[in-house]
Amino acid sequence: MHELSIAISIVEVAEEELGARSGATIQAVHLKLGRLSGVSKEALESCFEMACSDSPIAGSRLIIEDIPVTIHCPNCAELRCLDSIQFLRCPVCGVPVSNIVSGKELEVVALEILE
């Protein structure tokens, strides 16, 4: 389960920020998670609880923003959101696409810090 190593890395990022802020606590960690990231949201949430249980950020929340798969269709010259990640085709014209604009994200975007 690679979600545990990802959760540990998220905790380490948050702890590093806490080290720079004496007396602060982290209330929440905000994360962007793309559908093509290869990470299970549910498993990551569970692993995050385990990873931060004995750390300075214990009790903080993991807030995950789901990022849909967005492609750029070369035929339509438009950005399109895909309903399914099984078929990388424009949902309007059906042309196969290779230009994925979003949906691969796995990034900490914000920390809610109480000082």
C-alpha atoms as a PDB file:
ATOM      1  CA  MET A   1       0.000   0.000   0.000  1.00  0.00           C
ATOM      2  CA  HIS A   2       1.876   3.064  -1.245  1.00  0.00           C
ATOM      3  CA  GLU A   3      -0.723   5.371   0.312  1.00  0.00           C
ATOM      4  CA  LEU A   4       1.008   4.922   3.681  1.00  0.00           C
ATOM      5  CA  SER A   5       4.321   6.240   2.358  1.00  0.00           C
ATOM      6  CA  ILE A   6       2.468   9.159   0.755  1.00  0.00           C
ATOM      7  CA  ALA A   7       0.675   9.896   4.027  1.00  0.00           C
ATOM      8  CA  ILE A   8       3.989   9.817   5.899  1.00  0.00           C
ATOM      9  CA  SER A   9       5.424  12.304   3.392  1.00  0.00           C
ATOM     10  CA  ILE A  10       2.425  14.611   3.883  1.00  0.00           C
ATOM     11  CA  VAL A  11       2.930  14.470   7.655  1.00  0.00           C
ATOM     12  CA  GLU A  12       6.635  15.263   7.209  1.00  0.00           C
ATOM     13  CA  VAL A  13       5.786  18.343   5.104  1.00  0.00           C
ATOM     14  CA  ALA A  14       3.383  19.559   7.780  1.00  0.00           C
ATOM     15  CA  GLU A  15       5.866  18.868  10.598  1.00  0.00           C
ATOM     16  CA  GLU A  16       8.551  20.803   8.738  1.00  0.00           C
ATOM     17  CA  GLU A  17       6.260  23.826   8.573  1.00  0.00           C
ATOM     18  CA  LEU A  18       5.472  23.472  12.270  1.00  0.00           C
ATOM     19  CA  GLY A  19       9.178  23.515  13.031  1.00  0.00           C
ATOM     20  CA  ALA A  20       9.354  27.014  11.583  1.00  0.00           C
ATOM     21  CA  ARG A  21       6.426  28.240  13.711  1.00  0.00           C
ATOM     22  CA  SER A  22       6.952  27.924  17.428  1.00  0.00           C
ATOM     23  CA  GLY A  23       3.780  27.094  19.364  1.00  0.00           C
ATOM     24  CA  ALA A  24       1.607  26.634  16.285  1.00  0.00           C
ATOM     25  CA  THR A  25      -0.721  23.698  15.593  1.00  0.00           C
ATOM     26  CA  ILE A  26      -1.983  22.366  12.300  1.00  0.00           C
ATOM     27  CA  GLN A  27      -5.735  22.094  12.079  1.00  0.00           C
ATOM     28  CA  ALA A  28      -5.973  20.723   8.531  1.00  0.00           C
ATOM     29  CA  VAL A  29      -3.928  19.721   5.517  1.00  0.00           C
ATOM     30  CA  HIS A  30      -5.437  20.524   2.104  1.00  0.00           C
ATOM     31  CA  LEU A  31      -4.525  18.198  -0.734  1.00  0.00           C
ATOM     32  CA  LYS A  32      -5.348  18.079  -4.457  1.00  0.00           C
ATOM     33  CA  LEU A  33      -5.798  14.516  -5.683  1.00  0.00           C
ATOM     34  CA  GLY A  34      -6.260  13.775  -9.378  1.00  0.00           C
ATOM     35  CA  ARG A  35      -8.229  10.802 -10.633  1.00  0.00           C
ATOM     36  CA  LEU A  36      -5.172   9.615 -12.573  1.00  0.00           C
ATOM     37  CA  SER A  37      -2.781   9.922  -9.620  1.00  0.00           C
ATOM     38  CA  GLY A  38      -3.014   6.222  -8.850  1.00  0.00           C
ATOM     39  CA  VAL A  39      -3.859   6.951  -5.220  1.00  0.00           C
ATOM     40  CA  SER A  40      -6.975   5.704  -3.457  1.00  0.00           C
ATOM     41  CA  LYS A  41      -8.648   8.560  -1.598  1.00  0.00           C
ATOM     42  CA  GLU A  42     -10.123   6.276   1.056  1.00  0.00           C
ATOM     43  CA  ALA A  43      -6.845   4.457   1.669  1.00  0.00           C
ATOM     44  CA  LEU A  44      -4.969   7.767   1.888  1.00  0.00           C
ATOM     45  CA  GLU A  45      -7.434   9.128   4.447  1.00  0.00           C
ATOM     46  CA  SER A  46      -7.024   6.012   6.574  1.00  0.00           C
ATOM     47  CA  CYS A  47      -3.233   6.038   6.260  1.00  0.00           C
ATOM     48  CA  PHE A  48      -3.089   9.744   7.118  1.00  0.00           C
ATOM     49  CA  GLU A  49      -4.763   9.036  10.465  1.00  0.00           C
ATOM     50  CA  MET A  50      -2.189   6.328  11.180  1.00  0.00           C
ATOM     51  CA  ALA A  51       0.768   8.420  10.005  1.00  0.00           C
ATOM     52  CA  CYS A  52      -0.043  11.410  12.181  1.00  0.00           C
ATOM     53  CA  SER A  53      -1.290   9.559  15.275  1.00  0.00           C
ATOM     54  CA  ASP A  54       1.999   9.914  17.207  1.00  0.00           C
ATOM     55  CA  SER A  55       3.138  13.149  15.615  1.00  0.00           C
ATOM     56  CA  PRO A  56       2.804  16.855  16.395  1.00  0.00           C
ATOM     57  CA  ILE A  57      -0.043  17.087  13.885  1.00  0.00           C
ATOM     58  CA  ALA A  58      -2.159  14.374  15.511  1.00  0.00           C
ATOM     59  CA  GLY A  59      -5.833  15.287  15.342  1.00  0.00           C
ATOM     60  CA  SER A  60      -5.524  17.366  12.189  1.00  0.00           C
ATOM     61  CA  ARG A  61      -7.879  16.790   9.267  1.00  0.00           C
ATOM     62  CA  LEU A  62      -6.958  15.797   5.735  1.00  0.00           C
ATOM     63  CA  ILE A  63      -9.153  17.708   3.288  1.00  0.00           C
ATOM     64  CA  ILE A  64      -8.944  16.253  -0.202  1.00  0.00           C
ATOM     65  CA  GLU A  65     -10.076  18.086  -3.317  1.00  0.00           C
ATOM     66  CA  ASP A  66     -10.839  15.608  -6.093  1.00  0.00           C
ATOM     67  CA  ILE A  67      -9.447  16.797  -9.420  1.00  0.00           C
ATOM     68  CA  PRO A  68     -11.197  15.474 -12.542  1.00  0.00           C
ATOM     69  CA  VAL A  69      -9.347  14.437 -15.676  1.00  0.00           C
ATOM     70  CA  THR A  70      -9.280  17.323 -18.104  1.00  0.00           C
ATOM     71  CA  ILE A  71      -7.925  16.914 -21.613  1.00  0.00           C
ATOM     72  CA  HIS A  72      -7.279  19.247 -24.518  1.00  0.00           C
ATOM     73  CA  CYS A  73      -8.934  17.943 -27.658  1.00  0.00           C
ATOM     74  CA  PRO A  74      -6.821  18.635 -30.743  1.00  0.00           C
ATOM     75  CA  ASN A  75      -9.865  18.303 -32.999  1.00  0.00           C
ATOM     76  CA  CYS A  76     -12.253  20.578 -31.062  1.00  0.00           C
ATOM     77  CA  ALA A  77      -9.438  22.809 -29.737  1.00  0.00           C
ATOM     78  CA  GLU A  78     -11.251  22.835 -26.386  1.00  0.00           C
ATOM     79  CA  LEU A  79     -10.673  21.646 -22.827  1.00  0.00           C
ATOM     80  CA  ARG A  80     -12.955  18.754 -21.915  1.00  0.00           C
ATOM     81  CA  CYS A  81     -13.571  16.850 -18.662  1.00  0.00           C
ATOM     82  CA  LEU A  82     -13.660  13.082 -19.014  1.00  0.00           C
ATOM     83  CA  ASP A  83     -16.430  11.087 -17.389  1.00  0.00           C
ATOM     84  CA  SER A  84     -14.377   7.905 -17.446  1.00  0.00           C
ATOM     85  CA  ILE A  85     -10.652   7.400 -17.161  1.00  0.00           C
ATOM     86  CA  GLN A  86     -10.961   4.173 -19.149  1.00  0.00           C
ATOM     87  CA  PHE A  87     -11.237   5.940 -22.508  1.00  0.00           C
ATOM     88  CA  LEU A  88      -8.948   8.855 -23.251  1.00  0.00           C
ATOM     89  CA  ARG A  89     -11.131  10.235 -26.004  1.00  0.00           C
ATOM     90  CA  CYS A  90     -12.853  13.556 -26.404  1.00  0.00           C
ATOM     91  CA  PRO A  91     -16.386  13.126 -25.018  1.00  0.00           C
ATOM     92  CA  VAL A  92     -17.757  15.368 -27.796  1.00  0.00           C
ATOM     93  CA  CYS A  93     -16.051  14.255 -31.017  1.00  0.00           C
ATOM     94  CA  GLY A  94     -14.516  10.916 -29.941  1.00  0.00           C
ATOM     95  CA  VAL A  95     -10.960  11.688 -31.081  1.00  0.00           C
ATOM     96  CA  PRO A  96      -8.226   9.965 -29.016  1.00  0.00           C
ATOM     97  CA  VAL A  97      -6.282  12.463 -26.918  1.00  0.00           C
ATOM     98  CA  SER A  98      -2.867  12.454 -25.327  1.00  0.00           C
ATOM     99  CA  ASN A  99      -2.739  15.969 -23.886  1.00  0.00           C
ATOM    100  CA  ILE A 100      -3.901  15.572 -20.281  1.00  0.00           C
ATOM    101  CA  VAL A 101      -4.218  19.009 -18.687  1.00  0.00           C
ATOM    102  CA  SER A 102      -5.213  17.939 -15.176  1.00  0.00           C
ATOM    103  CA  GLY A 103      -6.032  14.837 -13.196  1.00  0.00           C
ATOM    104  CA  LYS A 104      -2.560  13.616 -12.230  1.00  0.00           C
ATOM    105  CA  GLU A 105      -2.185  15.919  -9.214  1.00  0.00           C
ATOM    106  CA  LEU A 106      -1.037  14.799  -5.802  1.00  0.00           C
ATOM    107  CA  GLU A 107      -0.010  17.929  -3.961  1.00  0.00           C
ATOM    108  CA  VAL A 108      -0.338  19.628  -0.620  1.00  0.00           C
ATOM    109  CA  VAL A 109      -1.796  23.025  -1.454  1.00  0.00           C
ATOM    110  CA  ALA A 110      -2.458  24.531   1.979  1.00  0.00           C
ATOM    111  CA  LEU A 111      -2.094  24.053   5.704  1.00  0.00           C
ATOM    112  CA  GLU A 112      -4.563  25.480   8.205  1.00  0.00           C
ATOM    113  CA  ILE A 113      -2.316  26.680  11.011  1.00  0.00           C
ATOM    114  CA  LEU A 114      -3.426  27.990  14.382  1.00  0.00           C
ATOM    115  CA  GLU A 115      -0.801  30.201  15.981  1.00  0.00           C
END
